[in-house]
Amino acid sequence: MNALDYARDNRLRLWFLGEKDYKKYDTKSPRNLEDFKNLMRTVIKNLYPALKMNSYCVFVLGDVNKSKKSINTALAVIDIANSMGSFDCEDFIQDEVPTFRRARKEGACTKNEWIVVMKKVG
C-alpha cells in the first residue's frame, strides 16, 4: 500500500526472474486497504491449486501507517484466507523492524513485520 517501492527495491531479484521492466510493477501496487485485500484474494486463489493439501505457505507482511493509523496487513490476509476457507493460519509472529534498519528513522514507516504461516486445507 505504497509503504515501499517494491519493484525498485527488488529490481535485481526481478531481473534474475527474467523481468527487464521493473517499473511497470510500481503502478500496480495497491494504494489502499481495499485494493490490498483484492490483490491478496487473487494471490490466495492462485496459490491454492499450486500447493499440495496440508502444505504451507508463508507471508512476510509489514504494517502500513496511513494518516497516523497503523494497518495490520497480516490480520487482513488471515481474515481473507479464513473467509475463503482455503487456508488456516497456523501461526503468526510479530517481528519489530529495528530503527537502524529503517530507511527513514523517524516518521510513519513500517515498524513491524508479521510472519504468517498458512496451511492449505479444504
PDB file of N, CA and C in Angstrom:
ATOM      1  N   MET A   1       0.826  -1.182   0.000  1.00  0.00           N
ATOM      2  CA  MET A   1       0.000   0.000   0.000  1.00  0.00           C
ATOM      3  C   MET A   1       0.866   1.241   0.000  1.00  0.00           C
ATOM      4  N   ASN A   2       1.824   1.249  -0.890  1.00  0.00           N
ATOM      5  CA  ASN A   2       2.680   2.404  -1.081  1.00  0.00           C
ATOM      6  C   ASN A   2       3.618   2.657   0.097  1.00  0.00           C
ATOM      7  N   ALA A   3       3.881   1.617   0.910  1.00  0.00           N
ATOM      8  CA  ALA A   3       4.799   1.772   2.038  1.00  0.00           C
ATOM      9  C   ALA A   3       6.253   1.703   1.572  1.00  0.00           C
ATOM     10  N   LEU A   4       6.496   1.048   0.457  1.00  0.00           N
ATOM     11  CA  LEU A   4       7.829   0.996  -0.117  1.00  0.00           C
ATOM     12  C   LEU A   4       7.710   0.843  -1.621  1.00  0.00           C
ATOM     13  N   ASP A   5       8.790   1.127  -2.296  1.00  0.00           N
ATOM     14  CA  ASP A   5       8.825   0.976  -3.754  1.00  0.00           C
ATOM     15  C   ASP A   5       9.263  -0.450  -4.059  1.00  0.00           C
ATOM     16  N   TYR A   6       8.302  -1.371  -4.043  1.00  0.00           N
ATOM     17  CA  TYR A   6       8.616  -2.793  -4.153  1.00  0.00           C
ATOM     18  C   TYR A   6       9.461  -3.095  -5.387  1.00  0.00           C
ATOM     19  N   ALA A   7       9.026  -2.648  -6.523  1.00  0.00           N
ATOM     20  CA  ALA A   7       9.725  -3.000  -7.764  1.00  0.00           C
ATOM     21  C   ALA A   7      11.147  -2.444  -7.778  1.00  0.00           C
ATOM     22  N   ARG A   8      11.289  -1.201  -7.394  1.00  0.00           N
ATOM     23  CA  ARG A   8      12.628  -0.598  -7.370  1.00  0.00           C
ATOM     24  C   ARG A   8      13.521  -1.306  -6.357  1.00  0.00           C
ATOM     25  N   ASP A   9      12.979  -1.591  -5.176  1.00  0.00           N
ATOM     26  CA  ASP A   9      13.769  -2.241  -4.130  1.00  0.00           C
ATOM     27  C   ASP A   9      14.131  -3.686  -4.474  1.00  0.00           C
ATOM     28  N   ASN A  10      13.374  -4.296  -5.375  1.00  0.00           N
ATOM     29  CA  ASN A  10      13.605  -5.700  -5.731  1.00  0.00           C
ATOM     30  C   ASN A  10      13.961  -5.872  -7.205  1.00  0.00           C
ATOM     31  N   ARG A  11      14.480  -4.815  -7.826  1.00  0.00           N
ATOM     32  CA  ARG A  11      14.763  -4.877  -9.267  1.00  0.00           C
ATOM     33  C   ARG A  11      15.782  -5.953  -9.631  1.00  0.00           C
ATOM     34  N   LEU A  12      16.755  -6.208  -8.764  1.00  0.00           N
ATOM     35  CA  LEU A  12      17.730  -7.249  -9.060  1.00  0.00           C
ATOM     36  C   LEU A  12      17.075  -8.623  -9.006  1.00  0.00           C
ATOM     37  N   ARG A  13      16.238  -8.868  -8.019  1.00  0.00           N
ATOM     38  CA  ARG A  13      15.517 -10.149  -7.951  1.00  0.00           C
ATOM     39  C   ARG A  13      14.627 -10.333  -9.178  1.00  0.00           C
ATOM     40  N   LEU A  14      13.932  -9.270  -9.561  1.00  0.00           N
ATOM     41  CA  LEU A  14      13.074  -9.351 -10.739  1.00  0.00           C
ATOM     42  C   LEU A  14      13.901  -9.616 -11.997  1.00  0.00           C
ATOM     43  N   TRP A  15      15.081  -9.014 -12.091  1.00  0.00           N
ATOM     44  CA  TRP A  15      15.952  -9.248 -13.236  1.00  0.00           C
ATOM     45  C   TRP A  15      16.351 -10.720 -13.316  1.00  0.00           C
ATOM     46  N   PHE A  16      16.702 -11.323 -12.160  1.00  0.00           N
ATOM     47  CA  PHE A  16      17.046 -12.754 -12.146  1.00  0.00           C
ATOM     48  C   PHE A  16      15.873 -13.624 -12.564  1.00  0.00           C
ATOM     49  N   LEU A  17      14.657 -13.138 -12.334  1.00  0.00           N
ATOM     50  CA  LEU A  17      13.458 -13.879 -12.742  1.00  0.00           C
ATOM     51  C   LEU A  17      13.085 -13.607 -14.193  1.00  0.00           C
ATOM     52  N   GLY A  18      13.890 -12.795 -14.875  1.00  0.00           N
ATOM     53  CA  GLY A  18      13.661 -12.542 -16.300  1.00  0.00           C
ATOM     54  C   GLY A  18      12.870 -11.281 -16.595  1.00  0.00           C
ATOM     55  N   GLU A  19      12.557 -10.488 -15.579  1.00  0.00           N
ATOM     56  CA  GLU A  19      11.784  -9.259 -15.787  1.00  0.00           C
ATOM     57  C   GLU A  19      12.728  -8.093 -16.037  1.00  0.00           C
ATOM     58  N   LYS A  20      12.622  -7.507 -17.209  1.00  0.00           N
ATOM     59  CA  LYS A  20      13.519  -6.408 -17.565  1.00  0.00           C
ATOM     60  C   LYS A  20      12.938  -5.039 -17.204  1.00  0.00           C
ATOM     61  N   ASP A  21      11.617  -4.919 -17.200  1.00  0.00           N
ATOM     62  CA  ASP A  21      10.968  -3.632 -16.933  1.00  0.00           C
ATOM     63  C   ASP A  21      10.310  -3.654 -15.558  1.00  0.00           C
ATOM     64  N   TYR A  22      11.119  -3.431 -14.516  1.00  0.00           N
ATOM     65  CA  TYR A  22      10.591  -3.479 -13.153  1.00  0.00           C
ATOM     66  C   TYR A  22       9.636  -2.327 -12.865  1.00  0.00           C
ATOM     67  N   LYS A  23       9.747  -1.214 -13.588  1.00  0.00           N
ATOM     68  CA  LYS A  23       8.948  -0.021 -13.295  1.00  0.00           C
ATOM     69  C   LYS A  23       7.456  -0.238 -13.500  1.00  0.00           C
ATOM     70  N   LYS A  24       7.081  -1.184 -14.337  1.00  0.00           N
ATOM     71  CA  LYS A  24       5.650  -1.408 -14.584  1.00  0.00           C
ATOM     72  C   LYS A  24       4.926  -1.915 -13.331  1.00  0.00           C
ATOM     73  N   TYR A  25       5.667  -2.494 -12.393  1.00  0.00           N
ATOM     74  CA  TYR A  25       5.043  -3.014 -11.177  1.00  0.00           C
ATOM     75  C   TYR A  25       4.703  -1.911 -10.179  1.00  0.00           C
ATOM     76  N   ASP A  26       5.401  -0.785 -10.260  1.00  0.00           N
ATOM     77  CA  ASP A  26       5.110   0.317  -9.345  1.00  0.00           C
ATOM     78  C   ASP A  26       3.681   0.829  -9.517  1.00  0.00           C
ATOM     79  N   THR A  27       3.184   0.823 -10.733  1.00  0.00           N
ATOM     80  CA  THR A  27       1.824   1.317 -10.975  1.00  0.00           C
ATOM     81  C   THR A  27       0.767   0.326 -10.510  1.00  0.00           C
ATOM     82  N   LYS A  28       1.149  -0.932 -10.283  1.00  0.00           N
ATOM     83  CA  LYS A  28       0.205  -1.966  -9.872  1.00  0.00           C
ATOM     84  C   LYS A  28       0.128  -2.127  -8.360  1.00  0.00           C
ATOM     85  N   SER A  29       0.957  -1.417  -7.643  1.00  0.00           N
ATOM     86  CA  SER A  29       0.980  -1.525  -6.192  1.00  0.00           C
ATOM     87  C   SER A  29      -0.319  -0.975  -5.605  1.00  0.00           C
ATOM     88  N   PRO A  30      -0.954  -1.734  -4.697  1.00  0.00           N
ATOM     89  CA  PRO A  30      -2.212  -1.248  -4.115  1.00  0.00           C
ATOM     90  C   PRO A  30      -1.986   0.022  -3.307  1.00  0.00           C
ATOM     91  N   ARG A  31      -2.920   0.945  -3.408  1.00  0.00           N
ATOM     92  CA  ARG A  31      -2.779   2.246  -2.751  1.00  0.00           C
ATOM     93  C   ARG A  31      -3.639   2.382  -1.491  1.00  0.00           C
ATOM     94  N   ASN A  32      -4.538   1.417  -1.269  1.00  0.00           N
ATOM     95  CA  ASN A  32      -5.398   1.489  -0.093  1.00  0.00           C
ATOM     96  C   ASN A  32      -5.719   0.072   0.370  1.00  0.00           C
ATOM     97  N   LEU A  33      -6.370  -0.040   1.512  1.00  0.00           N
ATOM     98  CA  LEU A  33      -6.636  -1.351   2.116  1.00  0.00           C
ATOM     99  C   LEU A  33      -7.519  -2.222   1.232  1.00  0.00           C
ATOM    100  N   GLU A  34      -8.525  -1.650   0.609  1.00  0.00           N
ATOM    101  CA  GLU A  34      -9.419  -2.442  -0.239  1.00  0.00           C
ATOM    102  C   GLU A  34      -8.677  -3.010  -1.449  1.00  0.00           C
ATOM    103  N   ASP A  35      -7.831  -2.214  -2.080  1.00  0.00           N
ATOM    104  CA  ASP A  35      -7.020  -2.710  -3.205  1.00  0.00           C
ATOM    105  C   ASP A  35      -6.067  -3.813  -2.744  1.00  0.00           C
ATOM    106  N   PHE A  36      -5.492  -3.637  -1.557  1.00  0.00           N
ATOM    107  CA  PHE A  36      -4.601  -4.657  -0.999  1.00  0.00           C
ATOM    108  C   PHE A  36      -5.364  -5.968  -0.778  1.00  0.00           C
ATOM    109  N   LYS A  37      -6.557  -5.879  -0.217  1.00  0.00           N
ATOM    110  CA  LYS A  37      -7.356  -7.090   0.027  1.00  0.00           C
ATOM    111  C   LYS A  37      -7.715  -7.783  -1.284  1.00  0.00           C
ATOM    112  N   ASN A  38      -8.073  -7.018  -2.285  1.00  0.00           N
ATOM    113  CA  ASN A  38      -8.388  -7.618  -3.591  1.00  0.00           C
ATOM    114  C   ASN A  38      -7.170  -8.323  -4.180  1.00  0.00           C
ATOM    115  N   LEU A  39      -6.012  -7.692  -4.071  1.00  0.00           N
ATOM    116  CA  LEU A  39      -4.775  -8.309  -4.557  1.00  0.00           C
ATOM    117  C   LEU A  39      -4.497  -9.607  -3.808  1.00  0.00           C
ATOM    118  N   MET A  40      -4.634  -9.595  -2.491  1.00  0.00           N
ATOM    119  CA  MET A  40      -4.344 -10.788  -1.695  1.00  0.00           C
ATOM    120  C   MET A  40      -5.360 -11.904  -1.947  1.00  0.00           C
ATOM    121  N   ARG A  41      -6.612 -11.565  -2.228  1.00  0.00           N
ATOM    122  CA  ARG A  41      -7.592 -12.604  -2.624  1.00  0.00           C
ATOM    123  C   ARG A  41      -7.120 -13.309  -3.894  1.00  0.00           C
ATOM    124  N   THR A  42      -6.635 -12.535  -4.846  1.00  0.00           N
ATOM    125  CA  THR A  42      -6.125 -13.105  -6.096  1.00  0.00           C
ATOM    126  C   THR A  42      -4.901 -13.976  -5.828  1.00  0.00           C
ATOM    127  N   VAL A  43      -3.997 -13.502  -4.978  1.00  0.00           N
ATOM    128  CA  VAL A  43      -2.797 -14.280  -4.642  1.00  0.00           C
ATOM    129  C   VAL A  43      -3.197 -15.613  -4.016  1.00  0.00           C
ATOM    130  N   ILE A  44      -4.107 -15.580  -3.058  1.00  0.00           N
ATOM    131  CA  ILE A  44      -4.523 -16.807  -2.364  1.00  0.00           C
ATOM    132  C   ILE A  44      -5.222 -17.767  -3.321  1.00  0.00           C
ATOM    133  N   LYS A  45      -6.070 -17.236  -4.201  1.00  0.00           N
ATOM    134  CA  LYS A  45      -6.731 -18.088  -5.206  1.00  0.00           C
ATOM    135  C   LYS A  45      -5.705 -18.760  -6.111  1.00  0.00           C
ATOM    136  N   ASN A  46      -4.639 -18.032  -6.481  1.00  0.00           N
ATOM    137  CA  ASN A  46      -3.607 -18.592  -7.362  1.00  0.00           C
ATOM    138  C   ASN A  46      -2.685 -19.555  -6.628  1.00  0.00           C
ATOM    139  N   LEU A  47      -2.484 -19.346  -5.348  1.00  0.00           N
ATOM    140  CA  LEU A  47      -1.635 -20.249  -4.562  1.00  0.00           C
ATOM    141  C   LEU A  47      -2.301 -21.603  -4.329  1.00  0.00           C
ATOM    142  N   TYR A  48      -3.595 -21.579  -4.119  1.00  0.00           N
ATOM    143  CA  TYR A  48      -4.305 -22.789  -3.707  1.00  0.00           C
ATOM    144  C   TYR A  48      -4.041 -23.994  -4.624  1.00  0.00           C
ATOM    145  N   PRO A  49      -4.241 -23.888  -5.930  1.00  0.00           N
ATOM    146  CA  PRO A  49      -4.007 -25.070  -6.778  1.00  0.00           C
ATOM    147  C   PRO A  49      -2.528 -25.458  -6.906  1.00  0.00           C
ATOM    148  N   ALA A  50      -1.629 -24.544  -6.590  1.00  0.00           N
ATOM    149  CA  ALA A  50      -0.198 -24.824  -6.737  1.00  0.00           C
ATOM    150  C   ALA A  50       0.381 -25.593  -5.549  1.00  0.00           C
ATOM    151  N   LEU A  51      -0.359 -25.658  -4.455  1.00  0.00           N
ATOM    152  CA  LEU A  51       0.146 -26.307  -3.240  1.00  0.00           C
ATOM    153  C   LEU A  51      -0.569 -27.626  -2.981  1.00  0.00           C
ATOM    154  N   LYS A  52       0.158 -28.576  -2.415  1.00  0.00           N
ATOM    155  CA  LYS A  52      -0.430 -29.851  -2.018  1.00  0.00           C
ATOM    156  C   LYS A  52      -1.274 -29.655  -0.762  1.00  0.00           C
ATOM    157  N   MET A  53      -2.246 -30.543  -0.561  1.00  0.00           N
ATOM    158  CA  MET A  53      -3.070 -30.486   0.632  1.00  0.00           C
ATOM    159  C   MET A  53      -2.187 -30.611   1.869  1.00  0.00           C
ATOM    160  N   ASN A  54      -2.486 -29.863   2.890  1.00  0.00           N
ATOM    161  CA  ASN A  54      -1.760 -29.811   4.166  1.00  0.00           C
ATOM    162  C   ASN A  54      -0.341 -29.244   4.048  1.00  0.00           C
ATOM    163  N   SER A  55      -0.020 -28.604   2.914  1.00  0.00           N
ATOM    164  CA  SER A  55       1.277 -27.952   2.790  1.00  0.00           C
ATOM    165  C   SER A  55       1.150 -26.505   3.276  1.00  0.00           C
ATOM    166  N   TYR A  56       2.268 -25.826   3.340  1.00  0.00           N
ATOM    167  CA  TYR A  56       2.311 -24.499   3.945  1.00  0.00           C
ATOM    168  C   TYR A  56       2.762 -23.436   2.956  1.00  0.00           C
ATOM    169  N   CYS A  57       2.318 -22.228   3.217  1.00  0.00           N
ATOM    170  CA  CYS A  57       2.879 -21.054   2.559  1.00  0.00           C
ATOM    171  C   CYS A  57       3.124 -20.014   3.654  1.00  0.00           C
ATOM    172  N   VAL A  58       4.088 -19.173   3.419  1.00  0.00           N
ATOM    173  CA  VAL A  58       4.479 -18.180   4.416  1.00  0.00           C
ATOM    174  C   VAL A  58       4.442 -16.801   3.767  1.00  0.00           C
ATOM    175  N   PHE A  59       3.804 -15.870   4.448  1.00  0.00           N
ATOM    176  CA  PHE A  59       3.780 -14.479   4.020  1.00  0.00           C
ATOM    177  C   PHE A  59       4.584 -13.655   5.017  1.00  0.00           C
ATOM    178  N   VAL A  60       5.355 -12.713   4.517  1.00  0.00           N
ATOM    179  CA  VAL A  60       6.005 -11.719   5.374  1.00  0.00           C
ATOM    180  C   VAL A  60       5.391 -10.384   4.989  1.00  0.00           C
ATOM    181  N   LEU A  61       4.660  -9.808   5.929  1.00  0.00           N
ATOM    182  CA  LEU A  61       3.866  -8.615   5.664  1.00  0.00           C
ATOM    183  C   LEU A  61       4.221  -7.521   6.647  1.00  0.00           C
ATOM    184  N   GLY A  62       4.284  -6.311   6.178  1.00  0.00           N
ATOM    185  CA  GLY A  62       4.589  -5.184   7.055  1.00  0.00           C
ATOM    186  C   GLY A  62       3.346  -4.391   7.383  1.00  0.00           C
ATOM    187  N   ASP A  63       3.317  -3.842   8.593  1.00  0.00           N
ATOM    188  CA  ASP A  63       2.263  -2.893   8.933  1.00  0.00           C
ATOM    189  C   ASP A  63       2.395  -1.684   8.018  1.00  0.00           C
ATOM    190  N   VAL A  64       1.263  -1.069   7.748  1.00  0.00           N
ATOM    191  CA  VAL A  64       1.259   0.148   6.943  1.00  0.00           C
ATOM    192  C   VAL A  64       0.699   1.266   7.812  1.00  0.00           C
ATOM    193  N   ASN A  65       1.380   2.380   7.818  1.00  0.00           N
ATOM    194  CA  ASN A  65       0.939   3.523   8.607  1.00  0.00           C
ATOM    195  C   ASN A  65       0.431   4.602   7.671  1.00  0.00           C
ATOM    196  N   LYS A  66      -0.866   4.880   7.805  1.00  0.00           N
ATOM    197  CA  LYS A  66      -1.515   5.905   6.980  1.00  0.00           C
ATOM    198  C   LYS A  66      -2.299   6.827   7.906  1.00  0.00           C
ATOM    199  N   SER A  67      -2.128   8.100   7.730  1.00  0.00           N
ATOM    200  CA  SER A  67      -2.876   9.105   8.492  1.00  0.00           C
ATOM    201  C   SER A  67      -2.824   8.824   9.987  1.00  0.00           C
ATOM    202  N   LYS A  68      -1.642   8.552  10.487  1.00  0.00           N
ATOM    203  CA  LYS A  68      -1.410   8.290  11.910  1.00  0.00           C
ATOM    204  C   LYS A  68      -2.165   7.071  12.424  1.00  0.00           C
ATOM    205  N   LYS A  69      -2.542   6.166  11.497  1.00  0.00           N
ATOM    206  CA  LYS A  69      -3.231   4.932  11.861  1.00  0.00           C
ATOM    207  C   LYS A  69      -2.437   3.766  11.290  1.00  0.00           C
ATOM    208  N   SER A  70      -2.206   2.746  12.116  1.00  0.00           N
ATOM    209  CA  SER A  70      -1.465   1.575  11.677  1.00  0.00           C
ATOM    210  C   SER A  70      -2.436   0.515  11.166  1.00  0.00           C
ATOM    211  N   ILE A  71      -2.153  -0.036   9.991  1.00  0.00           N
ATOM    212  CA  ILE A  71      -2.977  -1.090   9.398  1.00  0.00           C
ATOM    213  C   ILE A  71      -2.192  -2.387   9.461  1.00  0.00           C
ATOM    214  N   ASN A  72      -2.742  -3.373  10.150  1.00  0.00           N
ATOM    215  CA  ASN A  72      -2.095  -4.671  10.273  1.00  0.00           C
ATOM    216  C   ASN A  72      -2.478  -5.505   9.056  1.00  0.00           C
ATOM    217  N   THR A  73      -1.581  -5.574   8.084  1.00  0.00           N
ATOM    218  CA  THR A  73      -1.867  -6.299   6.847  1.00  0.00           C
ATOM    219  C   THR A  73      -1.945  -7.807   7.074  1.00  0.00           C
ATOM    220  N   ALA A  74      -1.259  -8.301   8.110  1.00  0.00           N
ATOM    221  CA  ALA A  74      -1.303  -9.737   8.407  1.00  0.00           C
ATOM    222  C   ALA A  74      -2.715 -10.162   8.792  1.00  0.00           C
ATOM    223  N   LEU A  75      -3.376  -9.381   9.640  1.00  0.00           N
ATOM    224  CA  LEU A  75      -4.752  -9.720  10.027  1.00  0.00           C
ATOM    225  C   LEU A  75      -5.690  -9.677   8.827  1.00  0.00           C
ATOM    226  N   ALA A  76      -5.449  -8.747   7.909  1.00  0.00           N
ATOM    227  CA  ALA A  76      -6.271  -8.679   6.697  1.00  0.00           C
ATOM    228  C   ALA A  76      -6.116  -9.957   5.868  1.00  0.00           C
ATOM    229  N   VAL A  77      -4.888 -10.437   5.716  1.00  0.00           N
ATOM    230  CA  VAL A  77      -4.635 -11.661   4.936  1.00  0.00           C
ATOM    231  C   VAL A  77      -5.245 -12.884   5.642  1.00  0.00           C
ATOM    232  N   ILE A  78      -5.095 -12.960   6.947  1.00  0.00           N
ATOM    233  CA  ILE A  78      -5.676 -14.077   7.708  1.00  0.00           C
ATOM    234  C   ILE A  78      -7.192 -14.075   7.563  1.00  0.00           C
ATOM    235  N   ASP A  79      -7.826 -12.919   7.671  1.00  0.00           N
ATOM    236  CA  ASP A  79      -9.281 -12.821   7.509  1.00  0.00           C
ATOM    237  C   ASP A  79      -9.723 -13.271   6.115  1.00  0.00           C
ATOM    238  N   ILE A  80      -8.980 -12.865   5.099  1.00  0.00           N
ATOM    239  CA  ILE A  80      -9.309 -13.257   3.721  1.00  0.00           C
ATOM    240  C   ILE A  80      -9.216 -14.768   3.564  1.00  0.00           C
ATOM    241  N   ALA A  81      -8.108 -15.353   4.021  1.00  0.00           N
ATOM    242  CA  ALA A  81      -7.920 -16.806   3.890  1.00  0.00           C
ATOM    243  C   ALA A  81      -9.000 -17.562   4.654  1.00  0.00           C
ATOM    244  N   ASN A  82      -9.351 -17.101   5.848  1.00  0.00           N
ATOM    245  CA  ASN A  82     -10.402 -17.757   6.628  1.00  0.00           C
ATOM    246  C   ASN A  82     -11.749 -17.657   5.930  1.00  0.00           C
ATOM    247  N   SER A  83     -12.059 -16.506   5.369  1.00  0.00           N
ATOM    248  CA  SER A  83     -13.351 -16.332   4.700  1.00  0.00           C
ATOM    249  C   SER A  83     -13.447 -17.177   3.429  1.00  0.00           C
ATOM    250  N   MET A  84     -12.303 -17.441   2.781  1.00  0.00           N
ATOM    251  CA  MET A  84     -12.293 -18.262   1.570  1.00  0.00           C
ATOM    252  C   MET A  84     -12.314 -19.749   1.910  1.00  0.00           C
ATOM    253  N   GLY A  85     -11.931 -20.095   3.141  1.00  0.00           N
ATOM    254  CA  GLY A  85     -11.931 -21.495   3.563  1.00  0.00           C
ATOM    255  C   GLY A  85     -10.837 -22.335   2.933  1.00  0.00           C
ATOM    256  N   SER A  86      -9.800 -21.696   2.423  1.00  0.00           N
ATOM    257  CA  SER A  86      -8.762 -22.430   1.704  1.00  0.00           C
ATOM    258  C   SER A  86      -7.493 -22.655   2.519  1.00  0.00           C
ATOM    259  N   PHE A  87      -7.247 -21.796   3.498  1.00  0.00           N
ATOM    260  CA  PHE A  87      -6.060 -21.892   4.330  1.00  0.00           C
ATOM    261  C   PHE A  87      -6.434 -21.624   5.780  1.00  0.00           C
ATOM    262  N   ASP A  88      -5.732 -22.287   6.679  1.00  0.00           N
ATOM    263  CA  ASP A  88      -5.825 -21.987   8.100  1.00  0.00           C
ATOM    264  C   ASP A  88      -4.531 -21.317   8.529  1.00  0.00           C
ATOM    265  N   CYS A  89      -4.655 -20.354   9.396  1.00  0.00           N
ATOM    266  CA  CYS A  89      -3.462 -19.712   9.943  1.00  0.00           C
ATOM    267  C   CYS A  89      -2.906 -20.608  11.037  1.00  0.00           C
ATOM    268  N   GLU A  90      -1.719 -21.126  10.822  1.00  0.00           N
ATOM    269  CA  GLU A  90      -1.065 -21.990  11.805  1.00  0.00           C
ATOM    270  C   GLU A  90      -0.330 -21.172  12.862  1.00  0.00           C
ATOM    271  N   ASP A  91       0.232 -20.048  12.444  1.00  0.00           N
ATOM    272  CA  ASP A  91       0.981 -19.221  13.381  1.00  0.00           C
ATOM    273  C   ASP A  91       1.233 -17.861  12.738  1.00  0.00           C
ATOM    274  N   PHE A  92       1.381 -16.843  13.557  1.00  0.00           N
ATOM    275  CA  PHE A  92       1.870 -15.566  13.066  1.00  0.00           C
ATOM    276  C   PHE A  92       2.746 -14.939  14.138  1.00  0.00           C
ATOM    277  N   ILE A  93       3.832 -14.376  13.678  1.00  0.00           N
ATOM    278  CA  ILE A  93       4.876 -13.889  14.566  1.00  0.00           C
ATOM    279  C   ILE A  93       5.139 -12.428  14.247  1.00  0.00           C
ATOM    280  N   GLN A  94       5.150 -11.609  15.275  1.00  0.00           N
ATOM    281  CA  GLN A  94       5.489 -10.201  15.098  1.00  0.00           C
ATOM    282  C   GLN A  94       7.006 -10.050  15.159  1.00  0.00           C
ATOM    283  N   ASP A  95       7.543  -9.334  14.192  1.00  0.00           N
ATOM    284  CA  ASP A  95       8.972  -9.073  14.135  1.00  0.00           C
ATOM    285  C   ASP A  95       9.153  -7.564  14.020  1.00  0.00           C
ATOM    286  N   GLU A  96       9.607  -6.945  15.096  1.00  0.00           N
ATOM    287  CA  GLU A  96       9.788  -5.498  15.090  1.00  0.00           C
ATOM    288  C   GLU A  96      10.976  -5.129  14.209  1.00  0.00           C
ATOM    289  N   VAL A  97      10.780  -4.133  13.368  1.00  0.00           N
ATOM    290  CA  VAL A  97      11.848  -3.650  12.492  1.00  0.00           C
ATOM    291  C   VAL A  97      12.678  -2.647  13.295  1.00  0.00           C
ATOM    292  N   PRO A  98      13.941  -2.964  13.558  1.00  0.00           N
ATOM    293  CA  PRO A  98      14.769  -2.052  14.347  1.00  0.00           C
ATOM    294  C   PRO A  98      14.954  -0.703  13.636  1.00  0.00           C
ATOM    295  N   THR A  99      15.061   0.334  14.410  1.00  0.00           N
ATOM    296  CA  THR A  99      15.213   1.674  13.847  1.00  0.00           C
ATOM    297  C   THR A  99      16.402   1.756  12.897  1.00  0.00           C
ATOM    298  N   PHE A 100      17.510   1.112  13.220  1.00  0.00           N
ATOM    299  CA  PHE A 100      18.695   1.214  12.359  1.00  0.00           C
ATOM    300  C   PHE A 100      18.487   0.558  11.000  1.00  0.00           C
ATOM    301  N   ARG A 101      17.498  -0.345  10.854  1.00  0.00           N
ATOM    302  CA  ARG A 101      17.225  -0.986   9.567  1.00  0.00           C
ATOM    303  C   ARG A 101      16.303  -0.161   8.688  1.00  0.00           C
ATOM    304  N   ARG A 102      15.639   0.820   9.277  1.00  0.00           N
ATOM    305  CA  ARG A 102      14.679   1.611   8.514  1.00  0.00           C
ATOM    306  C   ARG A 102      15.382   2.681   7.690  1.00  0.00           C
ATOM    307  N   ALA A 103      14.895   2.884   6.474  1.00  0.00           N
ATOM    308  CA  ALA A 103      15.458   3.929   5.619  1.00  0.00           C
ATOM    309  C   ALA A 103      15.175   5.303   6.207  1.00  0.00           C
ATOM    310  N   ARG A 104      13.981   5.459   6.750  1.00  0.00           N
ATOM    311  CA  ARG A 104      13.600   6.718   7.398  1.00  0.00           C
ATOM    312  C   ARG A 104      13.485   6.444   8.883  1.00  0.00           C
ATOM    313  N   LYS A 105      14.409   6.954   9.648  1.00  0.00           N
ATOM    314  CA  LYS A 105      14.483   6.644  11.083  1.00  0.00           C
ATOM    315  C   LYS A 105      13.289   7.197  11.853  1.00  0.00           C
ATOM    316  N   GLU A 106      12.799   8.340  11.461  1.00  0.00           N
ATOM    317  CA  GLU A 106      11.631   8.946  12.090  1.00  0.00           C
ATOM    318  C   GLU A 106      10.473   8.865  11.103  1.00  0.00           C
ATOM    319  N   GLY A 107       9.296   9.068  11.579  1.00  0.00           N
ATOM    320  CA  GLY A 107       8.154   9.087  10.673  1.00  0.00           C
ATOM    321  C   GLY A 107       7.323   7.830  10.763  1.00  0.00           C
ATOM    322  N   ALA A 108       6.423   7.693   9.802  1.00  0.00           N
ATOM    323  CA  ALA A 108       5.400   6.659   9.858  1.00  0.00           C
ATOM    324  C   ALA A 108       5.726   5.474   8.957  1.00  0.00           C
ATOM    325  N   CYS A 109       6.956   5.035   8.957  1.00  0.00           N
ATOM    326  CA  CYS A 109       7.316   3.892   8.125  1.00  0.00           C
ATOM    327  C   CYS A 109       6.944   2.587   8.842  1.00  0.00           C
ATOM    328  N   THR A 110       7.155   1.474   8.169  1.00  0.00           N
ATOM    329  CA  THR A 110       6.834   0.171   8.735  1.00  0.00           C
ATOM    330  C   THR A 110       7.713  -0.110   9.940  1.00  0.00           C
ATOM    331  N   LYS A 111       7.051  -0.361  11.066  1.00  0.00           N
ATOM    332  CA  LYS A 111       7.784  -0.624  12.302  1.00  0.00           C
ATOM    333  C   LYS A 111       7.661  -2.080  12.732  1.00  0.00           C
ATOM    334  N   ASN A 112       6.707  -2.793  12.137  1.00  0.00           N
ATOM    335  CA  ASN A 112       6.506  -4.215  12.436  1.00  0.00           C
ATOM    336  C   ASN A 112       6.332  -4.997  11.151  1.00  0.00           C
ATOM    337  N   GLU A 113       6.931  -6.163  11.123  1.00  0.00           N
ATOM    338  CA  GLU A 113       6.646  -7.133  10.068  1.00  0.00           C
ATOM    339  C   GLU A 113       5.992  -8.328  10.743  1.00  0.00           C
ATOM    340  N   TRP A 114       5.150  -8.989  10.002  1.00  0.00           N
ATOM    341  CA  TRP A 114       4.460 -10.170  10.508  1.00  0.00           C
ATOM    342  C   TRP A 114       4.801 -11.353   9.620  1.00  0.00           C
ATOM    343  N   ILE A 115       5.165 -12.442  10.236  1.00  0.00           N
ATOM    344  CA  ILE A 115       5.421 -13.690   9.521  1.00  0.00           C
ATOM    345  C   ILE A 115       4.184 -14.549   9.747  1.00  0.00           C
ATOM    346  N   VAL A 116       3.460 -14.815   8.672  1.00  0.00           N
ATOM    347  CA  VAL A 116       2.196 -15.552   8.765  1.00  0.00           C
ATOM    348  C   VAL A 116       2.376 -16.908   8.095  1.00  0.00           C
ATOM    349  N   VAL A 117       2.138 -17.967   8.854  1.00  0.00           N
ATOM    350  CA  VAL A 117       2.261 -19.331   8.348  1.00  0.00           C
ATOM    351  C   VAL A 117       0.856 -19.867   8.118  1.00  0.00           C
ATOM    352  N   MET A 118       0.560 -20.177   6.845  1.00  0.00           N
ATOM    353  CA  MET A 118      -0.765 -20.667   6.455  1.00  0.00           C
ATOM    354  C   MET A 118      -0.654 -22.118   5.973  1.00  0.00           C
ATOM    355  N   LYS A 119      -1.654 -22.917   6.346  1.00  0.00           N
ATOM    356  CA  LYS A 119      -1.702 -24.325   5.921  1.00  0.00           C
ATOM    357  C   LYS A 119      -2.901 -24.511   4.993  1.00  0.00           C
ATOM    358  N   LYS A 120      -2.653 -25.170   3.858  1.00  0.00           N
ATOM    359  CA  LYS A 120      -3.717 -25.432   2.901  1.00  0.00           C
ATOM    360  C   LYS A 120      -4.658 -26.479   3.454  1.00  0.00           C
ATOM    361  N   VAL A 121      -5.941 -26.180   3.448  1.00  0.00           N
ATOM    362  CA  VAL A 121      -6.973 -27.094   3.922  1.00  0.00           C
ATOM    363  C   VAL A 121      -8.121 -27.089   2.921  1.00  0.00           C
ATOM    364  N   GLY A 122      -9.079 -27.933   3.180  1.00  0.00           N
ATOM    365  CA  GLY A 122     -10.321 -27.943   2.402  1.00  0.00           C
ATOM    366  C   GLY A 122     -10.135 -28.135   0.983  1.00  0.00           C
TER     367      GLY A 122
END
